[in-house]
Amino acid sequence: MVKSCGYGVALSEANYKFNIPEEAYGQVIEGIDLQILSSDSVRLIEAYVKQEGELSEIQVKVLYLCELDLKAVIPKVSPALKGYFMRLHLGVIDVIKKLGSH
């Protein structure tokens, strides 16, 4: 399914499919729970797609916090998790950029 968020930008839910690796369950890095970080990030990306490019003010604030947390944990996660969290970070950055273009 493709949705438009205006300005000719098309979003596809298929572009934002994330399945957290089991290895991340229960892991905490720098006080950041990886499972919660993943869940929050994915939930906000999905909300952005389903709400046709719209997020509430609080959702945007949480998205920015997720981006900061992702930047903090990526250098410290195991190689097995690095690819997942880098891809998740790119998804969050993509949404932030698209929000900025409105």
Protein backbone atom coordinates (compact mmCIF):
# COMPACT_ATOMS: atom_id res chain seq x y z
CA MET A 1 0.00 0.00 0.00
CA VAL A 2 1.37 3.42 -0.93
CA LYS A 3 0.33 6.62 0.77
CA SER A 4 1.10 10.18 -0.15
CA CYS A 5 2.22 12.67 2.46
CA GLY A 6 2.05 15.64 0.13
CA TYR A 7 4.71 17.33 -1.94
CA GLY A 8 4.77 14.28 -4.20
CA VAL A 9 6.37 12.06 -1.57
CA ALA A 10 5.07 8.50 -1.61
CA LEU A 11 5.42 6.26 1.41
CA SER A 12 5.17 2.50 1.39
CA GLU A 13 4.67 0.46 4.53
CA ALA A 14 6.93 -2.16 2.96
CA ASN A 15 9.82 0.31 3.18
CA TYR A 16 9.46 0.42 6.95
CA LYS A 17 9.30 -3.22 8.06
CA PHE A 18 11.36 -3.89 11.16
CA ASN A 19 11.55 -7.13 13.14
CA ILE A 20 13.63 -6.73 16.27
CA PRO A 21 16.24 -9.47 16.64
CA GLU A 22 15.72 -11.67 19.70
CA GLU A 23 19.25 -10.87 20.83
CA ALA A 24 18.09 -7.32 21.64
CA TYR A 25 15.48 -8.49 24.16
CA GLY A 26 16.49 -7.48 27.67
CA GLN A 27 19.62 -5.62 26.58
CA VAL A 28 20.30 -2.21 28.07
CA ILE A 29 23.07 0.05 26.75
CA GLU A 30 23.85 3.40 28.34
CA GLY A 31 20.59 3.06 30.28
CA ILE A 32 18.63 2.58 27.04
CA ASP A 33 16.49 -0.55 26.75
CA LEU A 34 16.99 -1.76 23.16
CA GLN A 35 13.60 -3.44 22.96
CA ILE A 36 11.76 -0.31 24.10
CA LEU A 37 13.84 1.89 21.78
CA SER A 38 13.04 -0.37 18.85
CA SER A 39 9.35 -0.55 19.75
CA ASP A 40 9.00 3.23 20.13
CA SER A 41 10.88 3.93 16.90
CA VAL A 42 8.89 1.41 14.86
CA ARG A 43 5.58 2.57 16.36
CA LEU A 44 6.30 6.17 15.36
CA ILE A 45 7.43 5.26 11.85
CA GLU A 46 4.28 3.18 11.38
CA ALA A 47 2.12 5.99 12.77
CA TYR A 48 3.68 8.41 10.30
CA VAL A 49 2.90 6.10 7.38
CA LYS A 50 -0.64 5.26 8.55
CA GLN A 51 -1.49 8.87 9.35
CA GLU A 52 -0.41 9.96 5.88
CA GLY A 53 2.61 11.95 6.94
CA GLU A 54 1.30 13.41 10.18
CA LEU A 55 2.50 13.04 13.76
CA SER A 56 1.33 14.85 16.87
CA GLU A 57 3.64 17.27 18.63
CA ILE A 58 4.45 14.73 21.37
CA GLN A 59 5.08 12.00 18.77
CA VAL A 60 7.59 14.26 17.02
CA LYS A 61 9.38 14.94 20.31
CA VAL A 62 9.60 11.22 21.08
CA LEU A 63 10.83 10.54 17.53
CA TYR A 64 13.69 13.02 18.04
CA LEU A 65 14.55 11.34 21.36
CA CYS A 66 14.59 7.96 19.61
CA GLU A 67 16.99 9.36 17.04
CA LEU A 68 19.34 10.55 19.79
CA ASP A 69 19.15 7.20 21.58
CA LEU A 70 19.79 5.30 18.36
CA LYS A 71 22.91 7.40 17.71
CA ALA A 72 24.10 6.57 21.23
CA VAL A 73 23.58 2.80 21.05
CA ILE A 74 24.63 1.99 17.48
CA PRO A 75 28.38 2.22 18.18
CA LYS A 76 27.95 -0.03 21.24
CA VAL A 77 25.64 -2.81 20.05
CA SER A 78 26.98 -6.19 18.96
CA PRO A 79 27.78 -6.68 15.29
CA ALA A 80 24.70 -8.94 15.05
CA LEU A 81 22.45 -6.02 16.07
CA LYS A 82 24.30 -3.16 14.40
CA GLY A 83 22.67 -3.61 10.99
CA TYR A 84 19.17 -3.69 12.45
CA PHE A 85 19.66 -0.56 14.54
CA MET A 86 21.40 1.29 11.70
CA ARG A 87 18.44 0.50 9.43
CA LEU A 88 16.02 1.60 12.13
CA HIS A 89 17.99 4.83 12.55
CA LEU A 90 17.75 5.48 8.80
CA GLY A 91 13.98 4.99 8.98
CA VAL A 92 13.70 7.47 11.85
CA ILE A 93 15.92 9.99 10.01
CA ASP A 94 13.81 9.56 6.87
CA VAL A 95 10.62 10.42 8.77
CA ILE A 96 12.30 13.39 10.48
CA LYS A 97 13.44 14.72 7.10
CA LYS A 98 9.97 14.28 5.60
CA LEU A 99 8.40 16.04 8.57
CA GLY A 100 10.79 18.93 8.02
CA SER A 101 9.69 19.28 4.41
CA HIS A 102 6.08 20.05 5.33
